[in-house]
N, C-alpha and C. Protein backbone atom coordinates (compact mmCIF):
# COMPACT_ATOMS: atom_id res chain seq x y z
N UNK A 1 10.71 4.46 15.85
CA UNK A 1 10.08 2.98 15.60
C UNK A 1 10.60 2.30 14.49
N UNK A 2 11.71 2.90 13.92
CA UNK A 2 11.95 1.80 12.90
C UNK A 2 12.91 0.68 13.11
N UNK A 3 13.59 -0.23 12.62
CA UNK A 3 14.76 -1.20 12.71
C UNK A 3 16.04 -0.42 12.15
N UNK A 4 15.58 -0.36 10.60
CA UNK A 4 16.10 0.55 10.02
C UNK A 4 14.90 1.77 9.09
N UNK A 5 16.32 2.53 9.03
CA UNK A 5 15.54 3.68 8.76
C UNK A 5 15.26 3.71 7.40
N UNK A 6 13.60 4.63 7.47
CA UNK A 6 13.68 4.37 5.86
C UNK A 6 14.30 4.94 4.95
N UNK A 7 14.93 6.37 5.13
CA UNK A 7 16.00 6.81 4.42
C UNK A 7 17.49 6.28 3.79
N UNK A 8 17.78 4.75 5.12
CA UNK A 8 18.88 4.37 4.71
C UNK A 8 18.58 3.03 3.55
N UNK A 9 16.92 3.08 3.44
CA UNK A 9 16.82 1.45 2.71
C UNK A 9 16.48 2.17 0.77
N UNK A 10 16.78 1.19 -0.01
CA UNK A 10 17.16 1.55 -1.63
C UNK A 10 15.76 1.67 -2.20
N UNK A 11 15.72 2.61 -2.95
CA UNK A 11 14.47 2.69 -3.92
C UNK A 11 14.01 1.53 -4.38
N UNK A 12 14.47 0.26 -4.53
CA UNK A 12 14.15 -1.04 -4.65
C UNK A 12 13.50 -1.78 -3.54
N UNK A 13 13.36 -1.28 -2.44
CA UNK A 13 12.76 -2.16 -1.19
C UNK A 13 10.92 -2.13 -1.20
N UNK A 14 10.60 -3.05 -1.04
CA UNK A 14 9.39 -3.47 -1.19
C UNK A 14 8.66 -2.36 0.01
N UNK A 15 7.46 -1.90 -0.51
CA UNK A 15 6.57 -1.41 0.35
C UNK A 15 5.05 -1.84 0.46
N UNK A 16 4.72 -2.23 1.45
CA UNK A 16 2.95 -2.12 1.39
C UNK A 16 2.27 -1.40 2.69
N UNK A 17 1.13 -0.90 2.28
CA UNK A 17 0.52 0.56 2.65
C UNK A 17 -0.68 -0.44 3.06
N UNK A 18 -0.89 -0.19 4.60
CA UNK A 18 -2.56 -0.77 4.88
C UNK A 18 -3.04 0.32 5.85
N UNK A 19 -4.20 0.54 5.23
CA UNK A 19 -5.21 1.74 5.94
C UNK A 19 -6.04 1.33 6.75
N UNK A 20 -5.65 2.04 8.40
CA UNK A 20 -6.91 1.21 9.57
C UNK A 20 -8.17 2.27 9.12
N UNK A 21 -9.32 1.09 9.54
CA UNK A 21 -10.73 1.62 9.18
C UNK A 21 -11.16 3.35 10.24
N UNK A 22 -10.40 4.25 10.55
CA UNK A 22 -10.57 5.05 11.42
C UNK A 22 -8.79 5.33 11.66
N UNK A 23 -8.77 6.78 11.98
CA UNK A 23 -7.56 7.50 12.33
C UNK A 23 -7.26 6.51 14.20
N UNK A 24 -6.36 6.19 14.09
CA UNK A 24 -5.60 5.97 15.29
C UNK A 24 -4.95 6.83 16.64
N UNK A 25 -5.69 6.44 17.83
CA UNK A 25 -5.00 7.20 18.94
C UNK A 25 -3.89 7.04 19.56
N UNK A 26 -3.09 8.41 19.79
CA UNK A 26 -1.90 7.85 19.98
C UNK A 26 -1.56 7.12 20.99
N UNK A 27 -2.21 6.41 22.12
CA UNK A 27 -2.12 5.32 22.70
C UNK A 27 -1.80 3.89 21.63
N UNK A 28 -2.76 3.99 20.36
CA UNK A 28 -3.06 2.44 19.74
C UNK A 28 -1.49 3.12 19.05
N UNK A 29 -1.30 4.13 18.23
CA UNK A 29 -0.44 4.23 17.49
C UNK A 29 1.14 3.60 18.61
N UNK A 30 1.18 3.97 19.58
CA UNK A 30 2.33 3.39 20.13
C UNK A 30 2.53 2.13 20.71
N UNK A 31 1.18 1.54 20.69
CA UNK A 31 1.25 -0.28 20.81
C UNK A 31 1.67 -0.64 19.16
N UNK A 32 0.82 -0.10 18.48
CA UNK A 32 1.21 -0.66 16.74
C UNK A 32 2.60 -0.62 16.26
N UNK A 33 3.45 1.00 17.01
CA UNK A 33 4.98 1.10 16.73
C UNK A 33 5.93 -0.25 17.47
N UNK A 34 5.35 -0.29 18.45
CA UNK A 34 6.30 -1.36 19.51
C UNK A 34 6.11 -2.66 19.15
N UNK A 35 4.64 -3.21 18.63
CA UNK A 35 4.72 -4.18 18.02
C UNK A 35 5.33 -4.83 16.56
N UNK A 36 5.15 -3.76 15.82
CA UNK A 36 6.04 -3.79 14.51
C UNK A 36 7.39 -3.61 14.86
N UNK A 37 7.84 -2.82 15.67
CA UNK A 37 9.21 -3.19 15.98
C UNK A 37 9.92 -4.27 16.23
N UNK A 38 8.97 -5.12 17.06
CA UNK A 38 9.38 -6.00 17.44
C UNK A 38 9.25 -7.35 16.21
N UNK A 39 7.97 -6.84 15.57
CA UNK A 39 7.61 -8.25 14.51
C UNK A 39 9.10 -7.96 13.83
N UNK A 40 9.77 -6.75 13.21
CA UNK A 40 10.74 -6.51 11.99
C UNK A 40 12.09 -7.16 12.60
N UNK A 41 12.06 -7.19 14.32
CA UNK A 41 13.31 -7.38 14.52
C UNK A 41 13.77 -8.76 14.19
N UNK A 42 12.51 -9.78 14.14
CA UNK A 42 12.51 -11.31 13.34
C UNK A 42 12.10 -11.63 12.50
N UNK A 43 11.97 -10.69 11.37
CA UNK A 43 11.53 -10.58 10.28
C UNK A 43 12.42 -11.33 9.55
N UNK A 44 11.52 -12.77 8.36
CA UNK A 44 13.02 -13.76 7.74
C UNK A 44 12.02 -13.75 6.38
N UNK A 45 12.96 -14.10 5.50
CA UNK A 45 11.79 -14.69 4.28
C UNK A 45 12.85 -15.90 3.90
N UNK A 46 12.62 -17.28 3.63
CA UNK A 46 13.47 -18.30 3.33
C UNK A 46 14.74 -17.82 4.23
N UNK A 47 14.96 -18.05 5.42
CA UNK A 47 16.22 -17.60 6.10
C UNK A 47 16.60 -16.45 6.22
N UNK A 48 16.33 -15.67 5.27
CA UNK A 48 17.29 -14.71 4.97
C UNK A 48 16.34 -13.42 5.90
N UNK A 49 17.31 -12.73 6.38
CA UNK A 49 16.71 -11.43 7.30
C UNK A 49 16.16 -10.50 6.86
N UNK A 50 15.15 -9.71 6.70
CA UNK A 50 14.34 -8.72 6.02
C UNK A 50 15.12 -7.63 6.47
N UNK A 51 15.78 -6.67 6.21
CA UNK A 51 15.78 -5.24 6.69
C UNK A 51 14.48 -4.48 6.37
N UNK A 52 13.89 -4.27 7.60
CA UNK A 52 12.79 -3.42 7.70
C UNK A 52 12.41 -2.11 8.10
N UNK A 53 11.23 -1.70 7.97
CA UNK A 53 10.91 0.19 8.54
C UNK A 53 9.39 -0.22 8.46
N UNK A 54 9.29 0.52 9.57
CA UNK A 54 7.48 1.18 9.06
C UNK A 54 7.56 2.16 10.05
N UNK A 55 6.41 2.93 9.66
CA UNK A 55 5.57 4.03 9.64
C UNK A 55 4.36 4.36 10.30
N UNK A 56 3.40 5.08 10.71
CA UNK A 56 2.27 5.61 10.70
C UNK A 56 2.52 6.83 10.00
N UNK A 57 1.68 7.18 8.88
CA UNK A 57 1.17 7.84 8.37
C UNK A 57 -0.24 8.68 8.80
N UNK A 58 -0.59 10.34 8.79
CA UNK A 58 -1.78 10.85 8.96
C UNK A 58 -2.47 9.84 10.06
N UNK A 59 -2.03 9.19 10.96
CA UNK A 59 -2.66 8.83 12.23
C UNK A 59 -3.74 7.73 11.83
N UNK A 60 -3.28 7.06 10.33
CA UNK A 60 -4.33 6.34 9.60
C UNK A 60 -3.93 4.86 8.84
N UNK A 61 -2.43 5.68 8.08
CA UNK A 61 -1.88 4.22 7.36
C UNK A 61 -0.31 4.03 7.81
N UNK A 62 -0.77 2.88 7.76
CA UNK A 62 0.65 1.95 8.36
C UNK A 62 1.68 1.49 7.27
N UNK A 63 2.68 2.04 7.00
CA UNK A 63 3.65 1.73 5.68
C UNK A 63 4.64 0.60 6.71
N UNK A 64 4.97 -0.59 5.79
CA UNK A 64 5.76 -0.94 6.04
C UNK A 64 6.71 -1.52 5.05
N UNK A 65 8.29 -1.40 5.18
CA UNK A 65 9.17 -1.19 3.85
C UNK A 65 10.07 -2.65 4.34
N UNK A 66 10.39 -2.82 3.25
CA UNK A 66 11.35 -4.49 3.23
C UNK A 66 12.31 -4.48 2.05
N UNK A 67 13.53 -5.26 2.77
CA UNK A 67 14.43 -5.06 1.67
C UNK A 67 15.66 -6.46 2.00
N UNK A 68 15.67 -7.23 0.91
CA UNK A 68 17.04 -7.89 1.37
C UNK A 68 17.92 -8.01 0.34
N UNK A 69 18.89 -7.74 0.59
CA UNK A 69 19.96 -7.37 -0.35
C UNK A 69 20.50 -8.69 -1.20
N UNK A 70 20.34 -8.11 -2.41
CA UNK A 70 20.72 -9.10 -3.44
C UNK A 70 19.18 -10.28 -3.33
N UNK A 71 18.46 -9.93 -3.20
CA UNK A 71 16.96 -11.06 -3.23
C UNK A 71 15.83 -9.77 -2.71
N UNK A 72 14.60 -10.44 -3.15
CA UNK A 72 13.43 -10.31 -2.63
C UNK A 72 12.85 -10.79 -1.76
N UNK A 73 11.56 -10.31 -1.23
CA UNK A 73 10.93 -10.65 -0.05
C UNK A 73 10.03 -11.62 -0.47
N UNK A 74 10.30 -12.88 -0.36
CA UNK A 74 9.29 -13.52 -0.95
C UNK A 74 7.45 -14.19 -0.04
N UNK A 75 7.06 -14.95 -0.72
CA UNK A 75 5.39 -15.36 -0.12
C UNK A 75 5.46 -15.30 0.90
N UNK A 76 6.34 -16.24 1.50
CA UNK A 76 6.54 -16.25 3.04
C UNK A 76 7.14 -15.75 3.94
N UNK A 77 7.81 -14.36 3.53
CA UNK A 77 7.87 -13.44 4.10
C UNK A 77 7.12 -12.58 4.07
N UNK A 78 5.94 -12.38 3.29
CA UNK A 78 5.25 -11.34 2.90
C UNK A 78 4.08 -12.06 3.89
N UNK A 79 3.73 -13.15 3.87
CA UNK A 79 2.30 -13.97 4.86
C UNK A 79 2.77 -13.37 6.23
N UNK A 80 3.94 -13.27 6.52
CA UNK A 80 4.53 -13.11 8.11
C UNK A 80 3.77 -12.45 8.31
N UNK A 81 4.39 -10.91 7.48
CA UNK A 81 3.81 -9.39 7.31
C UNK A 81 2.78 -9.29 7.31
N UNK A 82 2.03 -10.24 6.53
CA UNK A 82 0.24 -9.91 6.82
C UNK A 82 -0.50 -10.56 8.14
N UNK A 83 -0.04 -11.47 8.41
CA UNK A 83 -0.26 -12.43 9.70
C UNK A 83 0.25 -11.16 10.74
N UNK A 84 1.22 -10.88 10.96
CA UNK A 84 1.60 -9.76 11.93
C UNK A 84 0.74 -8.26 11.71
N UNK A 85 0.55 -8.11 10.75
CA UNK A 85 -0.66 -6.71 10.73
C UNK A 85 -1.94 -6.94 11.05
N UNK A 86 -2.72 -8.33 10.55
CA UNK A 86 -3.92 -8.77 11.51
C UNK A 86 -4.07 -8.99 12.94
N UNK A 87 -2.67 -9.51 13.67
CA UNK A 87 -2.69 -9.87 14.65
C UNK A 87 -2.51 -8.30 15.16
N UNK A 88 -1.82 -7.63 15.06
CA UNK A 88 -1.98 -5.99 15.77
C UNK A 88 -3.27 -5.61 15.82
N UNK A 89 -3.70 -5.78 14.48
CA UNK A 89 -5.28 -5.04 14.35
C UNK A 89 -6.24 -5.44 15.61
N UNK A 90 -5.99 -6.63 15.75
CA UNK A 90 -6.65 -7.59 16.69
C UNK A 90 -6.40 -7.27 18.25
N UNK A 91 -5.23 -7.06 18.16
CA UNK A 91 -4.47 -6.52 19.59
C UNK A 91 -5.11 -5.06 20.08
N UNK A 92 -5.18 -4.19 19.06
CA UNK A 92 -5.08 -3.12 19.29
C UNK A 92 -6.40 -2.59 19.43
N UNK A 93 -7.64 -3.34 18.39
CA UNK A 93 -8.77 -3.19 18.47
C UNK A 93 -9.36 -2.35 17.24
N UNK A 94 -8.75 -2.32 16.44
CA UNK A 94 -9.52 -1.62 14.77
C UNK A 94 -9.10 -2.88 14.07
N UNK A 95 -9.86 -2.42 12.88
CA UNK A 95 -10.07 -3.46 11.43
C UNK A 95 -8.82 -2.49 10.48
N UNK A 96 -8.56 -3.50 9.65
CA UNK A 96 -8.22 -2.55 8.35
C UNK A 96 -8.95 -2.40 7.32
N UNK A 97 -9.08 -1.34 6.78
CA UNK A 97 -9.88 -0.83 5.67
C UNK A 97 -9.59 -2.01 4.42
N UNK A 98 -10.99 -1.78 3.92
CA UNK A 98 -11.09 -3.00 2.62
C UNK A 98 -10.07 -2.15 1.22
N UNK A 99 -9.12 -2.96 0.94
CA UNK A 99 -7.70 -2.51 0.08
C UNK A 99 -8.73 -1.69 -1.12
N UNK A 100 -9.45 -1.45 -1.51
CA UNK A 100 -10.18 -1.06 -2.59
C UNK A 100 -10.88 0.14 -2.34
N UNK A 101 -11.02 0.34 -0.96
CA UNK A 101 -11.17 1.89 -0.54
C UNK A 101 -10.44 2.83 -1.10
N UNK A 102 -11.06 4.11 -1.40
CA UNK A 102 -10.41 5.19 -1.80
C UNK A 102 -10.14 6.18 -0.67
N UNK A 103 -9.21 6.82 -0.36
CA UNK A 103 -9.39 7.56 0.78
C UNK A 103 -8.76 9.30 0.32
N UNK A 104 -9.19 10.25 0.59
CA UNK A 104 -8.83 11.50 0.34
C UNK A 104 -9.17 12.24 1.47
N UNK A 105 -8.61 13.76 1.71
CA UNK A 105 -8.66 14.76 2.28
C UNK A 105 -9.87 15.54 1.52
N UNK A 106 -10.98 15.74 2.44
CA UNK A 106 -11.83 17.12 2.83
C UNK A 106 -12.36 17.70 4.16
N UNK A 107 -11.92 18.97 4.06
CA UNK A 107 -12.41 19.56 4.97
C UNK A 107 -11.24 19.32 6.05
N UNK A 108 -10.24 19.02 5.94
CA UNK A 108 -8.70 18.78 6.72
C UNK A 108 -8.97 17.11 7.52
N UNK A 109 -10.03 16.49 6.85
CA UNK A 109 -10.05 14.99 7.11
C UNK A 109 -10.03 13.84 6.37
N UNK A 110 -9.38 13.08 6.68
CA UNK A 110 -9.43 11.82 5.38
C UNK A 110 -10.63 11.33 5.87
N UNK A 111 -11.27 11.02 4.54
CA UNK A 111 -12.25 10.70 4.19
C UNK A 111 -12.03 8.84 4.03
N UNK A 112 -12.95 8.53 4.05
CA UNK A 112 -12.75 6.95 3.31
C UNK A 112 -14.20 6.41 2.59
N UNK A 113 -14.24 5.79 1.44
CA UNK A 113 -15.19 5.31 0.64
C UNK A 113 -14.73 4.48 -0.28
N UNK A 114 -15.78 3.69 -0.54
CA UNK A 114 -15.88 2.24 -1.51
C UNK A 114 -15.83 3.13 -3.14
N UNK A 115 -15.22 2.76 -3.92
CA UNK A 115 -14.95 3.18 -5.47
C UNK A 115 -16.03 3.91 -6.26
N UNK A 116 -16.80 3.04 -5.95
CA UNK A 116 -18.42 3.43 -6.63
C UNK A 116 -19.03 4.53 -5.98
N UNK A 117 -18.67 5.00 -4.62
CA UNK A 117 -19.42 6.38 -3.68
C UNK A 117 -18.22 7.54 -4.72
N UNK A 118 -16.89 7.26 -4.48
CA UNK A 118 -16.01 7.92 -4.71
C UNK A 118 -16.08 8.63 -6.34
N UNK A 119 -16.34 7.23 -7.59
CA UNK A 119 -17.25 8.11 -8.61
C UNK A 119 -18.07 8.85 -8.86
N UNK A 120 -18.98 8.44 -7.90
CA UNK A 120 -20.37 9.39 -7.91
C UNK A 120 -19.58 11.18 -7.34
N UNK A 121 -18.78 10.82 -6.47
CA UNK A 121 -18.56 12.36 -5.85
C UNK A 121 -17.82 12.93 -6.89
N UNK A 122 -17.14 12.22 -7.68
CA UNK A 122 -16.31 13.05 -8.66
C UNK A 122 -16.94 13.54 -9.89
N UNK A 123 -18.26 12.45 -10.28
CA UNK A 123 -18.73 12.99 -11.45
C UNK A 123 -19.83 14.32 -10.77
N UNK A 124 -20.28 14.41 -9.63
CA UNK A 124 -21.04 15.47 -8.95
C UNK A 124 -20.17 16.78 -8.47
N UNK A 125 -19.16 16.68 -8.95
CA UNK A 125 -18.14 17.70 -8.62
C UNK A 125 -17.58 17.67 -7.00
N UNK A 126 -17.90 17.18 -6.36
CA UNK A 126 -17.68 17.33 -4.86
C UNK A 126 -16.17 16.61 -4.70
N UNK A 127 -15.28 16.15 -5.60
CA UNK A 127 -14.09 15.97 -5.40
C UNK A 127 -13.52 16.31 -6.80
N UNK A 128 -12.42 16.31 -6.74
CA UNK A 128 -12.35 17.03 -8.07
C UNK A 128 -10.53 17.13 -8.43
N UNK A 129 -9.89 16.96 -9.41
CA UNK A 129 -8.92 16.63 -9.80
C UNK A 129 -7.54 17.15 -8.78
N UNK A 130 -8.01 18.71 -8.00
CA UNK A 130 -6.85 19.33 -7.12
C UNK A 130 -7.10 18.39 -6.10
N UNK A 131 -8.07 17.74 -5.69
CA UNK A 131 -8.21 17.09 -4.03
C UNK A 131 -7.27 16.29 -3.71
N UNK A 132 -7.14 16.32 -2.46
CA UNK A 132 -5.64 15.51 -1.94
C UNK A 132 -6.38 13.53 -1.77
N UNK A 133 -5.37 13.15 -2.30
CA UNK A 133 -5.45 11.63 -2.22
C UNK A 133 -4.54 10.90 -1.63
N UNK A 134 -4.82 9.59 -1.04
CA UNK A 134 -3.64 8.72 -0.54
C UNK A 134 -3.62 7.34 -1.64
N UNK A 135 -2.33 7.05 -1.79
CA UNK A 135 -2.24 6.38 -2.91
C UNK A 135 -1.55 4.82 -2.15
N UNK A 136 -2.31 3.53 -1.57
CA UNK A 136 -2.10 2.76 -0.93
C UNK A 136 -1.82 1.94 -2.33
N UNK A 137 -1.66 2.40 -3.31
CA UNK A 137 -1.38 0.99 -3.97
C UNK A 137 0.40 1.06 -4.34
N UNK A 138 1.25 2.15 -3.91
CA UNK A 138 2.38 1.85 -4.37
C UNK A 138 3.35 1.04 -3.65
N UNK A 139 4.47 0.08 -4.61
CA UNK A 139 5.16 -0.80 -4.46
C UNK A 139 6.13 -1.08 -3.61
N UNK A 140 6.81 0.22 -3.88
CA UNK A 140 8.13 0.55 -4.17
C UNK A 140 8.55 1.80 -2.93
N UNK A 141 9.56 1.55 -2.42
CA UNK A 141 10.23 2.93 -1.88
C UNK A 141 10.64 4.29 -2.99
N UNK A 142 11.03 3.88 -4.14
CA UNK A 142 11.25 4.53 -4.83
C UNK A 142 9.87 5.28 -5.64
N UNK A 143 9.29 4.43 -5.35
CA UNK A 143 7.40 5.27 -5.87
C UNK A 143 7.31 6.21 -5.06
N UNK A 144 7.07 5.82 -3.55
CA UNK A 144 7.13 6.98 -2.56
C UNK A 144 7.93 7.82 -2.73
N UNK A 145 9.28 7.78 -2.98
CA UNK A 145 10.05 9.20 -2.76
C UNK A 145 9.88 9.74 -4.25
N UNK A 146 9.55 9.21 -5.32
CA UNK A 146 9.08 9.99 -6.63
C UNK A 146 7.67 10.72 -6.47
N UNK A 147 6.71 10.29 -6.22
CA UNK A 147 5.39 9.91 -6.39
C UNK A 147 4.84 10.65 -5.61
N UNK A 148 4.87 10.12 -4.46
CA UNK A 148 4.43 10.97 -2.88
C UNK A 148 3.02 10.02 -2.95
N UNK A 149 2.79 9.63 -1.59
CA UNK A 149 1.74 9.11 -1.35
C UNK A 149 0.58 10.00 -0.87
N UNK A 150 0.92 11.34 -0.84
CA UNK A 150 0.00 12.55 -0.31
C UNK A 150 -0.43 13.36 -1.38
N UNK A 151 -1.06 13.40 -2.61
CA UNK A 151 -0.97 13.91 -3.68
C UNK A 151 -2.63 14.18 -4.47
N UNK A 152 -1.91 15.63 -4.79
CA UNK A 152 -3.74 15.72 -6.11
C UNK A 152 -3.97 14.95 -6.93
N UNK A 153 -5.28 14.69 -6.71
CA UNK A 153 -5.93 13.18 -7.75
C UNK A 153 -5.47 13.37 -9.10
N UNK A 154 -5.24 14.84 -9.65
CA UNK A 154 -4.82 14.66 -10.87
C UNK A 154 -3.13 14.00 -11.40
N UNK A 155 -2.41 13.46 -10.13
CA UNK A 155 -1.72 13.30 -10.33
C UNK A 155 -1.22 11.82 -9.81
N UNK A 156 -2.15 11.15 -9.39
CA UNK A 156 -2.04 9.83 -8.99
C UNK A 156 -3.58 9.13 -9.83
N UNK A 157 -3.45 7.26 -9.62
CA UNK A 157 -4.57 6.72 -10.24
C UNK A 157 -5.50 7.00 -10.85
N UNK A 158 -6.19 7.62 -9.30
CA UNK A 158 -7.36 8.33 -9.53
C UNK A 158 -8.10 9.29 -10.76
N UNK A 159 -7.03 9.78 -11.47
CA UNK A 159 -7.09 10.54 -12.72
C UNK A 159 -7.49 9.89 -13.74
N UNK A 160 -6.85 8.28 -13.73
CA UNK A 160 -7.29 7.88 -14.96
C UNK A 160 -8.27 6.75 -14.59
N UNK A 161 -8.91 6.56 -13.39
CA UNK A 161 -9.80 6.03 -13.33
C UNK A 161 -11.60 6.45 -13.27
N UNK A 162 -11.16 7.70 -13.05
CA UNK A 162 -12.54 8.37 -12.45
C UNK A 162 -12.62 9.58 -13.12
N UNK A 163 -13.91 9.80 -13.98
CA UNK A 163 -14.29 11.00 -14.22
C UNK A 163 -14.43 12.08 -13.45
N UNK A 164 -13.82 13.52 -13.39
CA UNK A 164 -14.19 14.11 -12.39
C UNK A 164 -15.25 15.13 -13.30
N UNK A 165 -16.11 15.74 -12.70
CA UNK A 165 -17.14 16.55 -12.85
C UNK A 165 -16.40 17.55 -13.99
N UNK A 166 -15.56 18.08 -13.32
CA UNK A 166 -14.86 19.64 -13.94
C UNK A 166 -13.89 19.10 -15.60
N UNK A 167 -13.80 17.94 -15.51
CA UNK A 167 -13.01 17.58 -16.50
C UNK A 167 -14.02 17.42 -17.64
N UNK A 168 -15.48 17.29 -17.74
CA UNK A 168 -16.44 16.91 -18.44
C UNK A 168 -16.36 17.81 -19.41
N UNK A 169 -16.43 16.93 -20.68
CA UNK A 169 -16.34 17.78 -22.29
C UNK A 169 -18.39 18.57 -22.31
């Protein structure tokens, strides 16, 4: 699916993680991959070719990586990816989840809730420090590689933001 394999991009490559509002079917994922390959092939930022890569993770998350040797992807390059992703969602028939929603795994399923609901679930003990969460706030491939995207809440930003019932004093 990738124009440049993730593994060949440096740790400094920027990433953007977008979550679909639901699991994507195999057919939809195929469409998305084709559209992303086409976008990445022509992606540029201030006239400089962007070395890019993309992946679909856990049937729900679309990750785009971008690298410009000796530079950074500028606002116009970022805007181009945002517009491409909006068009991909419209063409494929899904919507992107709100950026501030929380994604976690429960009963082998990815759940999506707003932050207030996740806070309530944490306070009630329905989610805990060992609950697997997804961290779409990562901004570089280096963070992706070192921290991981799917990890226990205790190792993610969630542990700084939410008070889990099991940690109450």
